[in-house]
Amino acid sequence: MPAVVTRKSGQKILKTVHYKSTDPSAPTLNQIAVDFHQYYKLLGKKWMAFLIVHNVNECKEHTNLCPLSPGDSKDLVTIHPPLNPMTPYGLYRSRQIYKDADTGTRIGCVDMSFQYAPEEEEQSGRGWLRGSSAAISK
């Protein structure tokens, strides 16, 4: 069951990034970019992309992320204000593809979903989303 976000709750998104590598010469990542793909489940049947943004500087958004060395784990928190009042209720999904910004190499991904619902459908954990663990492998 996905987390429930309501008209008043806003969103607090938690992600933990693990840089796993068995290669002793794996580089430290100094710049990490992310491609965001945002979806809405149309009529409860098919995911429809409504926003795609490429090459967001994730180190600028999360100043504790870079540099990221092999073996490091970093916790990231993103806080969004409440959604626009015109946003339709339903299921939403965020797919995020992380890349080494210096080389363009894909290094990991996060895929999370949430239910946007009226306050009366609210459950515990209001507005908190936990992304799947993003393991960066090089």
N, C-alpha and C. Protein backbone atom coordinates (compact mmCIF):
# COMPACT_ATOMS: atom_id res chain seq x y z
N MET A 1 0.85 -1.19 0.00
CA MET A 1 0.00 0.00 0.00
C MET A 1 0.89 1.24 0.00
N PRO A 2 0.72 2.12 -0.96
CA PRO A 2 1.57 3.32 -0.98
C PRO A 2 1.19 4.29 0.14
N ALA A 3 2.12 5.18 0.45
CA ALA A 3 1.86 6.23 1.43
C ALA A 3 0.71 7.10 0.94
N VAL A 4 -0.01 7.70 1.88
CA VAL A 4 -1.12 8.59 1.54
C VAL A 4 -0.67 10.03 1.76
N VAL A 5 -0.86 10.85 0.75
CA VAL A 5 -0.60 12.29 0.82
C VAL A 5 -1.95 12.97 0.67
N THR A 6 -2.21 13.98 1.50
CA THR A 6 -3.48 14.69 1.45
C THR A 6 -3.28 16.13 0.99
N ARG A 7 -4.38 16.81 0.79
CA ARG A 7 -4.34 18.20 0.31
C ARG A 7 -3.53 19.10 1.23
N LYS A 8 -3.49 18.82 2.52
CA LYS A 8 -2.80 19.69 3.48
C LYS A 8 -1.44 19.16 3.92
N SER A 9 -1.14 17.90 3.65
CA SER A 9 0.04 17.27 4.27
C SER A 9 1.38 17.66 3.67
N GLY A 10 1.44 17.94 2.39
CA GLY A 10 2.74 18.10 1.76
C GLY A 10 3.42 16.74 1.70
N GLN A 11 4.68 16.72 1.30
CA GLN A 11 5.41 15.46 1.19
C GLN A 11 6.79 15.61 1.80
N LYS A 12 7.20 14.60 2.53
CA LYS A 12 8.56 14.50 3.04
C LYS A 12 9.12 13.21 2.47
N ILE A 13 10.08 13.33 1.57
CA ILE A 13 10.61 12.16 0.86
C ILE A 13 11.98 11.81 1.43
N LEU A 14 12.11 10.57 1.86
CA LEU A 14 13.36 10.08 2.44
C LEU A 14 14.01 9.10 1.48
N LYS A 15 15.30 9.28 1.22
CA LYS A 15 16.06 8.35 0.38
C LYS A 15 17.40 8.11 1.04
N THR A 16 17.86 6.88 0.98
CA THR A 16 19.21 6.55 1.43
C THR A 16 19.97 6.05 0.21
N VAL A 17 21.10 6.67 -0.07
CA VAL A 17 21.93 6.30 -1.20
C VAL A 17 23.12 5.51 -0.67
N HIS A 18 23.30 4.31 -1.20
CA HIS A 18 24.44 3.46 -0.84
C HIS A 18 25.35 3.34 -2.06
N TYR A 19 26.62 3.62 -1.91
CA TYR A 19 27.58 3.45 -3.01
C TYR A 19 28.28 2.12 -2.77
N LYS A 20 27.77 1.08 -3.43
CA LYS A 20 28.32 -0.26 -3.29
C LYS A 20 29.25 -0.52 -4.46
N SER A 21 30.44 -0.97 -4.16
CA SER A 21 31.38 -1.29 -5.23
C SER A 21 32.37 -2.34 -4.74
N THR A 22 32.62 -3.32 -5.59
CA THR A 22 33.66 -4.32 -5.30
C THR A 22 34.95 -3.96 -6.02
N ASP A 23 34.90 -2.92 -6.83
CA ASP A 23 36.07 -2.47 -7.58
C ASP A 23 36.89 -1.52 -6.71
N PRO A 24 38.11 -1.91 -6.33
CA PRO A 24 38.91 -1.03 -5.47
C PRO A 24 39.31 0.28 -6.13
N SER A 25 39.19 0.34 -7.46
CA SER A 25 39.55 1.59 -8.14
C SER A 25 38.32 2.41 -8.51
N ALA A 26 37.15 2.06 -7.94
CA ALA A 26 35.93 2.83 -8.23
C ALA A 26 36.14 4.29 -7.84
N PRO A 27 35.70 5.20 -8.70
CA PRO A 27 35.94 6.62 -8.43
C PRO A 27 34.99 7.20 -7.39
N THR A 28 35.44 8.26 -6.75
CA THR A 28 34.56 9.09 -5.93
C THR A 28 33.68 9.88 -6.88
N LEU A 29 32.40 9.96 -6.59
CA LEU A 29 31.47 10.70 -7.43
C LEU A 29 31.37 12.13 -6.89
N ASN A 30 31.78 13.08 -7.72
CA ASN A 30 31.77 14.48 -7.32
C ASN A 30 30.54 15.23 -7.80
N GLN A 31 29.88 14.73 -8.83
CA GLN A 31 28.66 15.34 -9.37
C GLN A 31 27.69 14.23 -9.74
N ILE A 32 26.48 14.32 -9.22
CA ILE A 32 25.45 13.33 -9.50
C ILE A 32 24.24 14.07 -10.07
N ALA A 33 23.76 13.57 -11.22
CA ALA A 33 22.57 14.14 -11.85
C ALA A 33 21.45 13.12 -11.77
N VAL A 34 20.23 13.61 -11.80
CA VAL A 34 19.07 12.71 -11.74
C VAL A 34 18.05 13.12 -12.80
N ASP A 35 17.45 12.12 -13.44
CA ASP A 35 16.34 12.33 -14.36
C ASP A 35 15.06 11.94 -13.62
N PHE A 36 14.10 12.87 -13.54
CA PHE A 36 12.84 12.62 -12.86
C PHE A 36 11.76 12.32 -13.88
N HIS A 37 11.01 11.26 -13.65
CA HIS A 37 9.85 10.90 -14.46
C HIS A 37 8.67 10.78 -13.50
N GLN A 38 7.68 11.66 -13.66
CA GLN A 38 6.52 11.68 -12.78
C GLN A 38 5.31 11.15 -13.55
N TYR A 39 4.55 10.24 -12.91
CA TYR A 39 3.43 9.58 -13.57
C TYR A 39 2.16 9.70 -12.74
N TYR A 40 1.03 9.63 -13.43
CA TYR A 40 -0.30 9.56 -12.82
C TYR A 40 -0.97 8.31 -13.39
N LYS A 41 -1.64 7.54 -12.54
CA LYS A 41 -2.32 6.33 -13.01
C LYS A 41 -3.69 6.72 -13.54
N LEU A 42 -3.78 6.84 -14.84
CA LEU A 42 -4.98 7.32 -15.52
C LEU A 42 -6.10 6.28 -15.43
N LEU A 43 -7.23 6.71 -14.91
CA LEU A 43 -8.40 5.85 -14.74
C LEU A 43 -8.09 4.58 -13.96
N GLY A 44 -7.03 4.64 -13.14
CA GLY A 44 -6.64 3.49 -12.33
C GLY A 44 -6.10 2.33 -13.14
N LYS A 45 -5.72 2.57 -14.42
CA LYS A 45 -5.31 1.47 -15.29
C LYS A 45 -3.91 1.62 -15.89
N LYS A 46 -3.57 2.81 -16.36
CA LYS A 46 -2.33 2.97 -17.13
C LYS A 46 -1.54 4.16 -16.59
N TRP A 47 -0.21 3.96 -16.39
CA TRP A 47 0.64 5.06 -15.95
C TRP A 47 0.87 6.01 -17.10
N MET A 48 0.60 7.29 -16.85
CA MET A 48 0.78 8.34 -17.85
C MET A 48 1.81 9.33 -17.34
N ALA A 49 2.89 9.55 -18.11
CA ALA A 49 3.90 10.53 -17.72
C ALA A 49 3.31 11.94 -17.87
N PHE A 50 3.49 12.77 -16.84
CA PHE A 50 3.03 14.15 -16.95
C PHE A 50 4.17 15.14 -16.75
N LEU A 51 5.33 14.65 -16.31
CA LEU A 51 6.48 15.53 -16.12
C LEU A 51 7.75 14.71 -16.24
N ILE A 52 8.66 15.18 -17.08
CA ILE A 52 9.98 14.55 -17.22
C ILE A 52 11.00 15.69 -17.19
N VAL A 53 11.94 15.58 -16.26
CA VAL A 53 13.00 16.59 -16.12
C VAL A 53 14.34 15.85 -16.10
N HIS A 54 15.25 16.28 -16.96
CA HIS A 54 16.55 15.61 -17.06
C HIS A 54 17.67 16.43 -16.40
N ASN A 55 18.66 15.71 -15.93
CA ASN A 55 19.93 16.27 -15.46
C ASN A 55 19.80 17.30 -14.34
N VAL A 56 18.99 17.00 -13.35
CA VAL A 56 18.89 17.86 -12.17
C VAL A 56 20.15 17.62 -11.33
N ASN A 57 20.81 18.69 -10.91
CA ASN A 57 22.03 18.58 -10.11
C ASN A 57 21.65 18.17 -8.69
N GLU A 58 21.77 16.87 -8.41
CA GLU A 58 21.35 16.35 -7.12
C GLU A 58 22.27 16.79 -5.99
N CYS A 59 23.53 17.10 -6.30
CA CYS A 59 24.47 17.57 -5.28
C CYS A 59 24.10 18.99 -4.83
N LYS A 60 23.54 19.77 -5.72
CA LYS A 60 23.08 21.11 -5.36
C LYS A 60 21.81 21.02 -4.52
N GLU A 61 20.92 20.08 -4.87
CA GLU A 61 19.67 19.89 -4.12
C GLU A 61 19.93 19.32 -2.73
N HIS A 62 20.94 18.45 -2.62
CA HIS A 62 21.27 17.78 -1.36
C HIS A 62 22.76 17.96 -1.11
N THR A 63 23.09 18.97 -0.35
CA THR A 63 24.51 19.34 -0.18
C THR A 63 25.32 18.29 0.57
N ASN A 64 24.66 17.34 1.24
CA ASN A 64 25.40 16.28 1.93
C ASN A 64 25.71 15.09 1.02
N LEU A 65 25.25 15.10 -0.21
CA LEU A 65 25.41 13.95 -1.10
C LEU A 65 26.81 13.83 -1.69
N CYS A 66 27.37 14.92 -2.15
CA CYS A 66 28.66 14.87 -2.84
C CYS A 66 29.74 15.53 -2.02
N PRO A 67 30.94 15.00 -2.07
CA PRO A 67 31.36 13.82 -2.83
C PRO A 67 30.83 12.54 -2.19
N LEU A 68 30.68 11.51 -3.04
CA LEU A 68 30.21 10.20 -2.61
C LEU A 68 31.28 9.17 -2.96
N SER A 69 31.87 8.59 -1.94
CA SER A 69 32.96 7.64 -2.14
C SER A 69 32.44 6.21 -2.02
N PRO A 70 33.14 5.24 -2.65
CA PRO A 70 32.74 3.84 -2.52
C PRO A 70 32.60 3.46 -1.04
N GLY A 71 31.50 2.79 -0.72
CA GLY A 71 31.24 2.39 0.66
C GLY A 71 30.39 3.38 1.44
N ASP A 72 30.24 4.61 0.94
CA ASP A 72 29.45 5.63 1.63
C ASP A 72 27.95 5.34 1.54
N SER A 73 27.23 5.78 2.57
CA SER A 73 25.76 5.82 2.57
C SER A 73 25.37 7.21 3.01
N LYS A 74 24.43 7.81 2.29
CA LYS A 74 23.97 9.16 2.62
C LYS A 74 22.45 9.16 2.67
N ASP A 75 21.90 9.83 3.69
CA ASP A 75 20.46 10.00 3.82
C ASP A 75 20.06 11.34 3.22
N LEU A 76 19.06 11.32 2.37
CA LEU A 76 18.57 12.53 1.71
C LEU A 76 17.13 12.77 2.13
N VAL A 77 16.77 14.02 2.36
CA VAL A 77 15.40 14.40 2.70
C VAL A 77 14.98 15.53 1.76
N THR A 78 13.83 15.35 1.13
CA THR A 78 13.25 16.38 0.28
C THR A 78 11.87 16.72 0.85
N ILE A 79 11.59 18.00 1.03
CA ILE A 79 10.29 18.42 1.56
C ILE A 79 9.58 19.24 0.48
N HIS A 80 8.39 18.78 0.12
CA HIS A 80 7.56 19.48 -0.86
C HIS A 80 6.36 20.10 -0.14
N PRO A 81 5.94 21.27 -0.56
CA PRO A 81 4.73 21.86 0.02
C PRO A 81 3.50 21.07 -0.44
N PRO A 82 2.33 21.37 0.11
CA PRO A 82 1.11 20.69 -0.35
C PRO A 82 0.94 20.83 -1.86
N LEU A 83 0.32 19.81 -2.45
CA LEU A 83 0.07 19.82 -3.89
C LEU A 83 -0.93 20.92 -4.26
N ASN A 84 -0.91 21.31 -5.51
CA ASN A 84 -1.85 22.31 -6.02
C ASN A 84 -3.28 21.82 -5.79
N PRO A 85 -4.19 22.70 -5.35
CA PRO A 85 -5.57 22.29 -5.10
C PRO A 85 -6.26 21.67 -6.33
N MET A 86 -5.77 21.95 -7.52
CA MET A 86 -6.37 21.40 -8.75
C MET A 86 -5.83 20.00 -9.08
N THR A 87 -4.87 19.51 -8.32
CA THR A 87 -4.29 18.19 -8.58
C THR A 87 -5.35 17.11 -8.35
N PRO A 88 -5.56 16.22 -9.34
CA PRO A 88 -6.58 15.18 -9.15
C PRO A 88 -6.13 14.12 -8.15
N TYR A 89 -7.08 13.60 -7.39
CA TYR A 89 -6.79 12.49 -6.47
C TYR A 89 -6.44 11.26 -7.30
N GLY A 90 -5.66 10.36 -6.71
CA GLY A 90 -5.32 9.12 -7.40
C GLY A 90 -3.92 8.67 -7.05
N LEU A 91 -3.42 7.70 -7.83
CA LEU A 91 -2.08 7.15 -7.63
C LEU A 91 -1.05 7.92 -8.45
N TYR A 92 0.08 8.20 -7.82
CA TYR A 92 1.19 8.89 -8.48
C TYR A 92 2.45 8.06 -8.29
N ARG A 93 3.37 8.23 -9.21
CA ARG A 93 4.63 7.48 -9.18
C ARG A 93 5.76 8.41 -9.58
N SER A 94 6.90 8.23 -8.92
CA SER A 94 8.10 8.99 -9.26
C SER A 94 9.22 7.99 -9.51
N ARG A 95 9.76 8.01 -10.74
CA ARG A 95 10.90 7.17 -11.10
C ARG A 95 12.08 8.11 -11.30
N GLN A 96 13.17 7.84 -10.60
CA GLN A 96 14.33 8.72 -10.63
C GLN A 96 15.56 7.90 -11.02
N ILE A 97 16.23 8.34 -12.06
CA ILE A 97 17.42 7.65 -12.56
C ILE A 97 18.63 8.52 -12.25
N TYR A 98 19.54 7.96 -11.47
CA TYR A 98 20.74 8.68 -11.03
C TYR A 98 21.89 8.38 -11.97
N LYS A 99 22.69 9.43 -12.27
CA LYS A 99 23.82 9.29 -13.19
C LYS A 99 25.04 9.99 -12.63
N ASP A 100 26.20 9.46 -12.98
CA ASP A 100 27.45 10.17 -12.74
C ASP A 100 27.43 11.34 -13.72
N ALA A 101 27.32 12.56 -13.23
CA ALA A 101 27.17 13.73 -14.10
C ALA A 101 28.41 13.97 -14.96
N ASP A 102 29.57 13.50 -14.50
CA ASP A 102 30.80 13.71 -15.28
C ASP A 102 30.87 12.79 -16.49
N THR A 103 30.31 11.57 -16.38
CA THR A 103 30.41 10.60 -17.48
C THR A 103 29.08 10.27 -18.13
N GLY A 104 27.95 10.57 -17.45
CA GLY A 104 26.64 10.22 -17.97
C GLY A 104 26.25 8.77 -17.69
N THR A 105 27.10 8.03 -16.99
CA THR A 105 26.84 6.63 -16.69
C THR A 105 25.72 6.50 -15.66
N ARG A 106 24.75 5.64 -15.94
CA ARG A 106 23.68 5.38 -14.98
C ARG A 106 24.26 4.64 -13.78
N ILE A 107 23.88 5.09 -12.59
CA ILE A 107 24.48 4.50 -11.39
C ILE A 107 23.43 3.99 -10.40
N GLY A 108 22.17 4.24 -10.62
CA GLY A 108 21.14 3.75 -9.70
C GLY A 108 19.79 4.35 -10.01
N CYS A 109 18.77 3.85 -9.32
CA CYS A 109 17.43 4.40 -9.53
C CYS A 109 16.59 4.24 -8.26
N VAL A 110 15.54 5.03 -8.20
CA VAL A 110 14.54 4.97 -7.14
C VAL A 110 13.18 4.99 -7.82
N ASP A 111 12.27 4.17 -7.34
CA ASP A 111 10.91 4.15 -7.88
C ASP A 111 9.97 4.13 -6.68
N MET A 112 9.13 5.15 -6.56
CA MET A 112 8.22 5.21 -5.41
C MET A 112 6.85 5.68 -5.88
N SER A 113 5.84 5.33 -5.10
CA SER A 113 4.50 5.76 -5.45
C SER A 113 3.77 6.24 -4.20
N PHE A 114 2.73 7.02 -4.43
CA PHE A 114 1.90 7.47 -3.32
C PHE A 114 0.47 7.66 -3.80
N GLN A 115 -0.44 7.60 -2.85
CA GLN A 115 -1.86 7.83 -3.10
C GLN A 115 -2.17 9.26 -2.66
N TYR A 116 -2.74 10.06 -3.55
CA TYR A 116 -3.19 11.40 -3.19
C TYR A 116 -4.69 11.29 -2.93
N ALA A 117 -5.11 11.59 -1.69
CA ALA A 117 -6.48 11.34 -1.28
C ALA A 117 -6.99 12.43 -0.35
N PRO A 118 -8.31 12.54 -0.21
CA PRO A 118 -8.87 13.49 0.75
C PRO A 118 -8.42 13.15 2.17
N GLU A 119 -8.46 14.13 3.07
CA GLU A 119 -8.01 13.96 4.45
C GLU A 119 -8.70 12.80 5.16
N GLU A 120 -9.96 12.52 4.83
CA GLU A 120 -10.66 11.45 5.53
C GLU A 120 -10.11 10.06 5.21
N GLU A 121 -9.28 9.95 4.14
CA GLU A 121 -8.65 8.67 3.81
C GLU A 121 -7.23 8.59 4.34
N GLU A 122 -6.83 9.60 5.08
CA GLU A 122 -5.47 9.68 5.61
C GLU A 122 -5.19 8.51 6.55
N GLN A 123 -3.93 8.04 6.49
CA GLN A 123 -3.48 6.96 7.37
C GLN A 123 -2.28 7.46 8.16
N SER A 124 -1.80 6.63 9.07
CA SER A 124 -0.59 7.03 9.81
C SER A 124 0.57 7.16 8.83
N GLY A 125 1.58 7.93 9.20
CA GLY A 125 2.71 8.18 8.31
C GLY A 125 2.40 9.26 7.30
N ARG A 126 1.52 10.15 7.67
CA ARG A 126 1.02 11.19 6.79
C ARG A 126 2.13 11.91 6.03
N GLY A 127 2.06 11.79 4.71
CA GLY A 127 2.95 12.55 3.84
C GLY A 127 4.38 12.05 3.77
N TRP A 128 4.73 10.99 4.51
CA TRP A 128 6.11 10.50 4.47
C TRP A 128 6.24 9.44 3.41
N LEU A 129 7.17 9.63 2.48
CA LEU A 129 7.44 8.65 1.44
C LEU A 129 8.85 8.13 1.64
N ARG A 130 9.01 6.84 1.49
CA ARG A 130 10.34 6.23 1.60
C ARG A 130 10.64 5.57 0.27
N GLY A 131 11.64 6.08 -0.42
CA GLY A 131 12.05 5.51 -1.68
C GLY A 131 12.71 4.16 -1.47
N SER A 132 12.65 3.35 -2.52
CA SER A 132 13.39 2.09 -2.45
C SER A 132 14.86 2.44 -2.35
N SER A 133 15.63 1.57 -1.75
CA SER A 133 17.03 1.84 -1.53
C SER A 133 17.76 2.01 -2.85
N ALA A 134 18.49 3.08 -3.02
CA ALA A 134 19.23 3.34 -4.25
C ALA A 134 20.67 2.90 -4.03
N ALA A 135 21.02 1.80 -4.65
CA ALA A 135 22.38 1.29 -4.54
C ALA A 135 23.16 1.70 -5.77
N ILE A 136 24.18 2.50 -5.58
CA ILE A 136 25.01 2.93 -6.69
C ILE A 136 26.14 1.93 -6.85
N SER A 137 26.23 1.38 -8.03
CA SER A 137 27.27 0.38 -8.30
C SER A 137 28.12 0.85 -9.46
N LYS A 138 29.40 0.73 -9.31
CA LYS A 138 30.32 1.08 -10.40
C LYS A 138 31.31 -0.01 -10.57
